[in-house]
């Protein structure tokens, strides 16, 4: 039996369209300066009708949670037991998410989380959350370990944002601007490697040959620690970002070297 599928409305369609691109967005009132979620046709605090959308980094903390041990429908039976949490996002709004990649006893109030979109049997990707864990200090980083994944669609909004900053880097036919490969790789690193100690310094970035990004492609990338060393009193950490499109073609092959602060 399939799980229920979201049915977008006029108010929620922008949210689900962004979700399909791997982006978490929320509403923001320019009058009372408050963030709100779920989407509504006007500000719930002051009644302002002209409300805007902003993009969230997807990082927050568990406000409360419940452990589900009895399925509400047969479609959820195989997921038992699972955790549903209310998460306070750093931008100032609260949303409900299902926790993934952890055991129920690992979830605690105040635990830091990251929202990710899960592409399953539903038409629209669903927001879920993973635990961020403790500060990723030099001693805790493990070479060979995959630290996180990120999926997004190379949509027109992303291309428009890029070309507004770099007008000389334009699409060529169905190929996205070449610089987007670097941007998506860096975004994957920034979203996956949390929480990082403050003060890290980027030492180098290397891009190897891979297929160009296509407009409309859905890119799934992962970040792994490929090595670390102490040299002349500094801590160097290497990361590998690898991304593929929906056809399995490698489109991102990036090596990052950072001087790790702690």
C-alpha atoms as a PDB file:
ATOM      1  CA  UNK A   1       0.000   0.000   0.000  1.00  0.00           C
ATOM      2  CA  UNK A   2       1.313   3.441  -0.941  1.00  0.00           C
ATOM      3  CA  UNK A   3       1.720   6.250   1.560  1.00  0.00           C
ATOM      4  CA  UNK A   4      -0.466   9.359   1.245  1.00  0.00           C
ATOM      5  CA  UNK A   5       0.694  11.878  -1.355  1.00  0.00           C
ATOM      6  CA  UNK A   6       0.708  15.643  -0.665  1.00  0.00           C
ATOM      7  CA  UNK A   7      -1.853  17.652  -2.628  1.00  0.00           C
ATOM      8  CA  UNK A   8      -0.494  21.193  -3.182  1.00  0.00           C
ATOM      9  CA  UNK A   9      -2.840  24.156  -2.830  1.00  0.00           C
ATOM     10  CA  UNK A  10      -2.453  27.727  -4.061  1.00  0.00           C
ATOM     11  CA  UNK A  11      -0.721  28.590  -0.761  1.00  0.00           C
ATOM     12  CA  UNK A  12       1.575  25.541  -0.609  1.00  0.00           C
ATOM     13  CA  UNK A  13       2.509  25.105  -4.295  1.00  0.00           C
ATOM     14  CA  UNK A  14       5.675  27.280  -4.048  1.00  0.00           C
ATOM     15  CA  UNK A  15       6.866  25.139  -1.123  1.00  0.00           C
ATOM     16  CA  UNK A  16       6.379  21.859  -2.981  1.00  0.00           C
ATOM     17  CA  UNK A  17       7.919  23.229  -6.187  1.00  0.00           C
ATOM     18  CA  UNK A  18      11.024  24.218  -4.203  1.00  0.00           C
ATOM     19  CA  UNK A  19      11.032  20.807  -2.490  1.00  0.00           C
ATOM     20  CA  UNK A  20      11.182  19.169  -5.915  1.00  0.00           C
ATOM     21  CA  UNK A  21      14.439  21.090  -6.450  1.00  0.00           C
ATOM     22  CA  UNK A  22      15.826  20.051  -3.047  1.00  0.00           C
ATOM     23  CA  UNK A  23      15.256  23.485  -1.462  1.00  0.00           C
ATOM     24  CA  UNK A  24      13.475  24.314   1.803  1.00  0.00           C
ATOM     25  CA  UNK A  25      11.614  27.618   1.669  1.00  0.00           C
ATOM     26  CA  UNK A  26       9.434  29.459   4.175  1.00  0.00           C
ATOM     27  CA  UNK A  27       7.345  32.613   4.268  1.00  0.00           C
ATOM     28  CA  UNK A  28       8.571  35.908   5.704  1.00  0.00           C
ATOM     29  CA  UNK A  29       6.521  39.007   6.517  1.00  0.00           C
ATOM     30  CA  UNK A  30       8.261  42.261   5.501  1.00  0.00           C
ATOM     31  CA  UNK A  31       6.030  44.245   7.893  1.00  0.00           C
ATOM     32  CA  UNK A  32       6.314  42.462  11.255  1.00  0.00           C
ATOM     33  CA  UNK A  33       9.593  40.694  10.324  1.00  0.00           C
ATOM     34  CA  UNK A  34       8.368  37.236  11.318  1.00  0.00           C
ATOM     35  CA  UNK A  35       8.914  33.897   9.612  1.00  0.00           C
ATOM     36  CA  UNK A  36       5.990  31.506   9.294  1.00  0.00           C
ATOM     37  CA  UNK A  37       5.324  27.895   8.379  1.00  0.00           C
ATOM     38  CA  UNK A  38       3.214  26.182   7.086  1.00  0.00           C
ATOM     39  CA  UNK A  39       2.425  28.541   4.202  1.00  0.00           C
ATOM     40  CA  UNK A  40      -0.668  30.749   4.422  1.00  0.00           C
ATOM     41  CA  UNK A  41      -2.213  33.336   2.130  1.00  0.00           C
ATOM     42  CA  UNK A  42      -1.290  36.146   4.551  1.00  0.00           C
ATOM     43  CA  UNK A  43       0.815  36.777   7.680  1.00  0.00           C
ATOM     44  CA  UNK A  44      -0.683  35.002  10.690  1.00  0.00           C
ATOM     45  CA  UNK A  45       0.811  37.598  13.058  1.00  0.00           C
ATOM     46  CA  UNK A  46      -0.203  40.959  11.553  1.00  0.00           C
ATOM     47  CA  UNK A  47      -2.498  40.040   8.656  1.00  0.00           C
ATOM     48  CA  UNK A  48      -0.199  41.433   5.962  1.00  0.00           C
ATOM     49  CA  UNK A  49      -1.258  40.077   2.553  1.00  0.00           C
ATOM     50  CA  UNK A  50       2.021  40.803   0.717  1.00  0.00           C
ATOM     51  CA  UNK A  51       4.210  38.040   2.106  1.00  0.00           C
ATOM     52  CA  UNK A  52       7.523  36.871   0.649  1.00  0.00           C
ATOM     53  CA  UNK A  53       9.393  33.583   0.361  1.00  0.00           C
ATOM     54  CA  UNK A  54      12.921  32.946   1.643  1.00  0.00           C
ATOM     55  CA  UNK A  55      15.217  29.943   1.441  1.00  0.00           C
ATOM     56  CA  UNK A  56      16.262  28.151   4.626  1.00  0.00           C
ATOM     57  CA  UNK A  57      19.588  26.470   5.280  1.00  0.00           C
ATOM     58  CA  UNK A  58      17.591  23.618   6.825  1.00  0.00           C
ATOM     59  CA  UNK A  59      19.474  23.637  10.135  1.00  0.00           C
ATOM     60  CA  UNK A  60      17.667  23.720  13.466  1.00  0.00           C
ATOM     61  CA  UNK A  61      16.949  21.964  16.754  1.00  0.00           C
ATOM     62  CA  UNK A  62      14.363  19.506  18.082  1.00  0.00           C
ATOM     63  CA  UNK A  63      11.639  21.352  20.030  1.00  0.00           C
ATOM     64  CA  UNK A  64       9.648  18.228  20.932  1.00  0.00           C
ATOM     65  CA  UNK A  65       9.107  14.738  19.560  1.00  0.00           C
ATOM     66  CA  UNK A  66       7.049  11.594  19.808  1.00  0.00           C
ATOM     67  CA  UNK A  67       7.945   7.975  19.129  1.00  0.00           C
ATOM     68  CA  UNK A  68       5.360   6.229  16.940  1.00  0.00           C
ATOM     69  CA  UNK A  69       5.065   2.538  17.788  1.00  0.00           C
ATOM     70  CA  UNK A  70       1.644   1.833  16.302  1.00  0.00           C
ATOM     71  CA  UNK A  71       1.020   2.570  12.622  1.00  0.00           C
ATOM     72  CA  UNK A  72      -1.885   4.867  11.772  1.00  0.00           C
ATOM     73  CA  UNK A  73      -2.210   3.069   8.411  1.00  0.00           C
ATOM     74  CA  UNK A  74      -0.796  -0.171   6.927  1.00  0.00           C
ATOM     75  CA  UNK A  75       1.526   1.818   4.657  1.00  0.00           C
ATOM     76  CA  UNK A  76       3.547   2.952   7.704  1.00  0.00           C
ATOM     77  CA  UNK A  77       3.870  -0.490   9.306  1.00  0.00           C
ATOM     78  CA  UNK A  78       7.365  -1.189   7.979  1.00  0.00           C
ATOM     79  CA  UNK A  79       8.677   2.128   9.373  1.00  0.00           C
ATOM     80  CA  UNK A  80       7.928   1.276  13.015  1.00  0.00           C
ATOM     81  CA  UNK A  81       9.152   2.519  15.378  1.00  0.00           C
ATOM     82  CA  UNK A  82       9.826   6.026  14.048  1.00  0.00           C
ATOM     83  CA  UNK A  83      10.107   9.539  15.449  1.00  0.00           C
ATOM     84  CA  UNK A  84       8.034  12.559  14.471  1.00  0.00           C
ATOM     85  CA  UNK A  85       9.632  15.789  15.683  1.00  0.00           C
ATOM     86  CA  UNK A  86       8.752  19.461  15.850  1.00  0.00           C
ATOM     87  CA  UNK A  87      11.910  21.303  14.776  1.00  0.00           C
ATOM     88  CA  UNK A  88      12.758  24.965  15.323  1.00  0.00           C
ATOM     89  CA  UNK A  89      14.699  26.126  12.274  1.00  0.00           C
ATOM     90  CA  UNK A  90      17.404  28.750  12.741  1.00  0.00           C
ATOM     91  CA  UNK A  91      15.508  31.243  10.546  1.00  0.00           C
ATOM     92  CA  UNK A  92      12.707  31.402  13.130  1.00  0.00           C
ATOM     93  CA  UNK A  93       9.977  28.995  12.013  1.00  0.00           C
ATOM     94  CA  UNK A  94       8.825  25.602  13.254  1.00  0.00           C
ATOM     95  CA  UNK A  95       7.968  22.568  11.155  1.00  0.00           C
ATOM     96  CA  UNK A  96       7.088  18.909  11.641  1.00  0.00           C
ATOM     97  CA  UNK A  97       9.487  16.293  10.262  1.00  0.00           C
ATOM     98  CA  UNK A  98      10.068  12.554  10.417  1.00  0.00           C
ATOM     99  CA  UNK A  99      13.511  11.635  11.737  1.00  0.00           C
ATOM    100  CA  UNK A 100      15.658   9.380   9.562  1.00  0.00           C
ATOM    101  CA  UNK A 101      18.980   7.592  10.007  1.00  0.00           C
ATOM    102  CA  UNK A 102      18.767   7.256  13.792  1.00  0.00           C
ATOM    103  CA  UNK A 103      17.200   5.146  16.522  1.00  0.00           C
ATOM    104  CA  UNK A 104      14.353   6.638  18.586  1.00  0.00           C
ATOM    105  CA  UNK A 105      16.480   6.704  21.761  1.00  0.00           C
ATOM    106  CA  UNK A 106      19.045   8.935  20.017  1.00  0.00           C
ATOM    107  CA  UNK A 107      16.585  11.802  19.538  1.00  0.00           C
ATOM    108  CA  UNK A 108      16.620  14.373  22.350  1.00  0.00           C
ATOM    109  CA  UNK A 109      15.023  17.781  22.858  1.00  0.00           C
ATOM    110  CA  UNK A 110      17.534  20.401  21.730  1.00  0.00           C
ATOM    111  CA  UNK A 111      19.402  18.041  19.396  1.00  0.00           C
ATOM    112  CA  UNK A 112      20.652  19.776  16.267  1.00  0.00           C
ATOM    113  CA  UNK A 113      19.127  18.521  13.011  1.00  0.00           C
ATOM    114  CA  UNK A 114      19.254  19.110   9.276  1.00  0.00           C
ATOM    115  CA  UNK A 115      16.169  18.945   7.048  1.00  0.00           C
ATOM    116  CA  UNK A 116      16.532  16.859   3.891  1.00  0.00           C
ATOM    117  CA  UNK A 117      13.989  15.893   1.258  1.00  0.00           C
ATOM    118  CA  UNK A 118      13.202  12.218   0.846  1.00  0.00           C
ATOM    119  CA  UNK A 119      12.279  11.090  -2.638  1.00  0.00           C
ATOM    120  CA  UNK A 120      10.188   7.956  -2.312  1.00  0.00           C
ATOM    121  CA  UNK A 121       7.002   6.673  -3.893  1.00  0.00           C
ATOM    122  CA  UNK A 122       5.254  10.020  -3.517  1.00  0.00           C
ATOM    123  CA  UNK A 123       4.981  12.572  -6.295  1.00  0.00           C
ATOM    124  CA  UNK A 124       6.546  15.269  -4.121  1.00  0.00           C
ATOM    125  CA  UNK A 125       9.731  14.839  -2.019  1.00  0.00           C
ATOM    126  CA  UNK A 126       8.866  14.898   1.681  1.00  0.00           C
ATOM    127  CA  UNK A 127      10.833  16.871   4.304  1.00  0.00           C
ATOM    128  CA  UNK A 128      12.608  14.620   6.791  1.00  0.00           C
ATOM    129  CA  UNK A 129      15.447  15.308   9.230  1.00  0.00           C
ATOM    130  CA  UNK A 130      18.736  13.773  10.298  1.00  0.00           C
ATOM    131  CA  UNK A 131      20.717  14.323  13.478  1.00  0.00           C
ATOM    132  CA  UNK A 132      23.835  16.466  13.151  1.00  0.00           C
ATOM    133  CA  UNK A 133      25.615  15.050  16.175  1.00  0.00           C
ATOM    134  CA  UNK A 134      28.583  16.606  17.970  1.00  0.00           C
ATOM    135  CA  UNK A 135      30.996  19.250  16.700  1.00  0.00           C
ATOM    136  CA  UNK A 136      33.110  17.844  13.859  1.00  0.00           C
ATOM    137  CA  UNK A 137      36.518  18.455  15.352  1.00  0.00           C
ATOM    138  CA  UNK A 138      39.753  17.277  13.711  1.00  0.00           C
ATOM    139  CA  UNK A 139      40.010  14.344  16.136  1.00  0.00           C
ATOM    140  CA  UNK A 140      36.473  13.124  15.309  1.00  0.00           C
ATOM    141  CA  UNK A 141      36.773  13.270  11.507  1.00  0.00           C
ATOM    142  CA  UNK A 142      37.164   9.780  10.026  1.00  0.00           C
ATOM    143  CA  UNK A 143      38.829   9.299   6.600  1.00  0.00           C
ATOM    144  CA  UNK A 144      36.640   7.127   4.364  1.00  0.00           C
ATOM    145  CA  UNK A 145      33.398   8.051   6.077  1.00  0.00           C
ATOM    146  CA  UNK A 146      30.502   9.586   4.133  1.00  0.00           C
ATOM    147  CA  UNK A 147      29.223  12.547   6.145  1.00  0.00           C
ATOM    148  CA  UNK A 148      26.135  13.574   4.232  1.00  0.00           C
ATOM    149  CA  UNK A 149      24.212  13.883   1.002  1.00  0.00           C
ATOM    150  CA  UNK A 150      22.348  16.603  -0.825  1.00  0.00           C
ATOM    151  CA  UNK A 151      19.996  16.452  -3.806  1.00  0.00           C
ATOM    152  CA  UNK A 152      18.739  19.359  -5.895  1.00  0.00           C
ATOM    153  CA  UNK A 153      17.427  20.102  -9.356  1.00  0.00           C
ATOM    154  CA  UNK A 154      19.285  22.416 -11.730  1.00  0.00           C
ATOM    155  CA  UNK A 155      16.203  24.575 -12.244  1.00  0.00           C
ATOM    156  CA  UNK A 156      15.685  27.903 -13.967  1.00  0.00           C
ATOM    157  CA  UNK A 157      15.549  29.821 -10.677  1.00  0.00           C
ATOM    158  CA  UNK A 158      19.003  28.565  -9.740  1.00  0.00           C
ATOM    159  CA  UNK A 159      20.368  29.457 -13.183  1.00  0.00           C
ATOM    160  CA  UNK A 160      18.840  32.939 -13.018  1.00  0.00           C
ATOM    161  CA  UNK A 161      20.433  33.554  -9.617  1.00  0.00           C
ATOM    162  CA  UNK A 162      23.811  32.418 -10.924  1.00  0.00           C
ATOM    163  CA  UNK A 163      23.776  34.446 -14.136  1.00  0.00           C
ATOM    164  CA  UNK A 164      22.655  37.569 -12.264  1.00  0.00           C
ATOM    165  CA  UNK A 165      25.944  37.342 -10.331  1.00  0.00           C
ATOM    166  CA  UNK A 166      28.101  36.038 -13.207  1.00  0.00           C
ATOM    167  CA  UNK A 167      26.517  37.282 -16.456  1.00  0.00           C
ATOM    168  CA  UNK A 168      29.460  36.023 -18.521  1.00  0.00           C
ATOM    169  CA  UNK A 169      28.713  32.409 -17.522  1.00  0.00           C
ATOM    170  CA  UNK A 170      25.601  31.603 -19.536  1.00  0.00           C
ATOM    171  CA  UNK A 171      23.842  28.306 -20.424  1.00  0.00           C
ATOM    172  CA  UNK A 172      24.855  26.674 -23.697  1.00  0.00           C
ATOM    173  CA  UNK A 173      21.913  24.797 -25.169  1.00  0.00           C
ATOM    174  CA  UNK A 174      20.774  22.323 -22.510  1.00  0.00           C
ATOM    175  CA  UNK A 175      24.038  22.736 -20.583  1.00  0.00           C
ATOM    176  CA  UNK A 176      23.904  24.733 -17.358  1.00  0.00           C
ATOM    177  CA  UNK A 177      26.519  27.452 -16.710  1.00  0.00           C
ATOM    178  CA  UNK A 178      29.861  25.772 -16.040  1.00  0.00           C
ATOM    179  CA  UNK A 179      30.313  27.468 -12.660  1.00  0.00           C
ATOM    180  CA  UNK A 180      27.221  25.762 -11.251  1.00  0.00           C
ATOM    181  CA  UNK A 181      29.224  22.546 -10.852  1.00  0.00           C
ATOM    182  CA  UNK A 182      31.461  24.281  -8.331  1.00  0.00           C
ATOM    183  CA  UNK A 183      28.497  25.919  -6.615  1.00  0.00           C
ATOM    184  CA  UNK A 184      26.489  22.704  -6.192  1.00  0.00           C
ATOM    185  CA  UNK A 185      29.580  20.883  -4.917  1.00  0.00           C
ATOM    186  CA  UNK A 186      30.294  23.600  -2.359  1.00  0.00           C
ATOM    187  CA  UNK A 187      26.651  23.746  -1.276  1.00  0.00           C
ATOM    188  CA  UNK A 188      26.708  19.989  -0.700  1.00  0.00           C
ATOM    189  CA  UNK A 189      29.780  20.366   1.528  1.00  0.00           C
ATOM    190  CA  UNK A 190      28.315  23.297   3.472  1.00  0.00           C
ATOM    191  CA  UNK A 191      24.987  21.555   4.091  1.00  0.00           C
ATOM    192  CA  UNK A 192      26.418  18.131   4.916  1.00  0.00           C
ATOM    193  CA  UNK A 193      29.356  19.048   7.159  1.00  0.00           C
ATOM    194  CA  UNK A 194      27.551  20.266  10.270  1.00  0.00           C
ATOM    195  CA  UNK A 195      28.263  21.343  12.892  1.00  0.00           C
ATOM    196  CA  UNK A 196      31.692  22.653  11.830  1.00  0.00           C
ATOM    197  CA  UNK A 197      34.024  24.499  14.200  1.00  0.00           C
ATOM    198  CA  UNK A 198      34.221  28.233  13.456  1.00  0.00           C
ATOM    199  CA  UNK A 199      37.392  29.534  11.859  1.00  0.00           C
ATOM    200  CA  UNK A 200      38.057  26.896   9.202  1.00  0.00           C
ATOM    201  CA  UNK A 201      40.004  28.182   6.181  1.00  0.00           C
ATOM    202  CA  UNK A 202      39.653  26.904   2.604  1.00  0.00           C
ATOM    203  CA  UNK A 203      43.077  25.949   1.303  1.00  0.00           C
ATOM    204  CA  UNK A 204      42.302  24.591  -2.183  1.00  0.00           C
ATOM    205  CA  UNK A 205      39.579  23.319  -4.502  1.00  0.00           C
ATOM    206  CA  UNK A 206      40.178  20.906  -7.370  1.00  0.00           C
ATOM    207  CA  UNK A 207      37.601  19.960  -9.998  1.00  0.00           C
ATOM    208  CA  UNK A 208      38.211  16.852 -12.064  1.00  0.00           C
ATOM    209  CA  UNK A 209      36.668  16.139 -15.432  1.00  0.00           C
ATOM    210  CA  UNK A 210      33.011  15.121 -15.306  1.00  0.00           C
ATOM    211  CA  UNK A 211      29.961  15.493 -17.497  1.00  0.00           C
ATOM    212  CA  UNK A 212      28.547  19.030 -17.709  1.00  0.00           C
ATOM    213  CA  UNK A 213      25.430  19.739 -15.674  1.00  0.00           C
ATOM    214  CA  UNK A 214      22.229  19.686 -17.724  1.00  0.00           C
ATOM    215  CA  UNK A 215      19.379  22.118 -17.190  1.00  0.00           C
ATOM    216  CA  UNK A 216      16.595  20.274 -15.388  1.00  0.00           C
ATOM    217  CA  UNK A 217      18.884  17.481 -14.128  1.00  0.00           C
ATOM    218  CA  UNK A 218      18.362  16.194 -10.599  1.00  0.00           C
ATOM    219  CA  UNK A 219      21.803  15.917  -9.000  1.00  0.00           C
ATOM    220  CA  UNK A 220      22.532  13.770  -5.938  1.00  0.00           C
ATOM    221  CA  UNK A 221      25.902  14.399  -4.284  1.00  0.00           C
ATOM    222  CA  UNK A 222      27.680  13.048  -1.235  1.00  0.00           C
ATOM    223  CA  UNK A 223      30.605  14.282   0.869  1.00  0.00           C
ATOM    224  CA  UNK A 224      33.250  12.008   2.344  1.00  0.00           C
ATOM    225  CA  UNK A 225      36.436  12.677   4.278  1.00  0.00           C
ATOM    226  CA  UNK A 226      39.297  11.488   2.076  1.00  0.00           C
ATOM    227  CA  UNK A 227      42.176  12.220   4.463  1.00  0.00           C
ATOM    228  CA  UNK A 228      43.655  14.403   7.172  1.00  0.00           C
ATOM    229  CA  UNK A 229      47.134  15.343   8.385  1.00  0.00           C
ATOM    230  CA  UNK A 230      48.939  17.701  10.725  1.00  0.00           C
ATOM    231  CA  UNK A 231      51.632  19.738   9.019  1.00  0.00           C
ATOM    232  CA  UNK A 232      53.726  22.575  10.414  1.00  0.00           C
ATOM    233  CA  UNK A 233      51.334  23.085  13.275  1.00  0.00           C
ATOM    234  CA  UNK A 234      48.215  23.145  11.100  1.00  0.00           C
ATOM    235  CA  UNK A 235      45.428  20.600  10.726  1.00  0.00           C
ATOM    236  CA  UNK A 236      44.597  19.820   7.090  1.00  0.00           C
ATOM    237  CA  UNK A 237      41.436  17.902   6.127  1.00  0.00           C
ATOM    238  CA  UNK A 238      40.559  16.680   2.632  1.00  0.00           C
ATOM    239  CA  UNK A 239      37.007  16.059   1.425  1.00  0.00           C
ATOM    240  CA  UNK A 240      35.698  14.445  -1.735  1.00  0.00           C
ATOM    241  CA  UNK A 241      32.374  15.574  -3.205  1.00  0.00           C
ATOM    242  CA  UNK A 242      30.924  13.202  -5.777  1.00  0.00           C
ATOM    243  CA  UNK A 243      27.655  13.858  -7.601  1.00  0.00           C
ATOM    244  CA  UNK A 244      25.609  11.964 -10.185  1.00  0.00           C
ATOM    245  CA  UNK A 245      22.518  12.829 -12.190  1.00  0.00           C
ATOM    246  CA  UNK A 246      19.330  10.751 -12.378  1.00  0.00           C
ATOM    247  CA  UNK A 247      20.839   8.701 -15.221  1.00  0.00           C
ATOM    248  CA  UNK A 248      23.846   7.746 -13.109  1.00  0.00           C
ATOM    249  CA  UNK A 249      26.365   9.955 -14.932  1.00  0.00           C
ATOM    250  CA  UNK A 250      29.033  11.542 -12.761  1.00  0.00           C
ATOM    251  CA  UNK A 251      28.656  15.323 -12.932  1.00  0.00           C
ATOM    252  CA  UNK A 252      30.608  16.441  -9.844  1.00  0.00           C
ATOM    253  CA  UNK A 253      34.087  15.252  -8.870  1.00  0.00           C
ATOM    254  CA  UNK A 254      35.564  17.770  -6.434  1.00  0.00           C
ATOM    255  CA  UNK A 255      38.395  17.691  -3.902  1.00  0.00           C
ATOM    256  CA  UNK A 256      38.404  20.221  -1.073  1.00  0.00           C
ATOM    257  CA  UNK A 257      41.299  20.882   1.310  1.00  0.00           C
ATOM    258  CA  UNK A 258      40.656  22.903   4.458  1.00  0.00           C
ATOM    259  CA  UNK A 259      42.713  24.076   7.398  1.00  0.00           C
ATOM    260  CA  UNK A 260      40.580  22.813  10.307  1.00  0.00           C
ATOM    261  CA  UNK A 261      40.303  25.178  13.248  1.00  0.00           C
ATOM    262  CA  UNK A 262      39.777  22.670  16.065  1.00  0.00           C
END
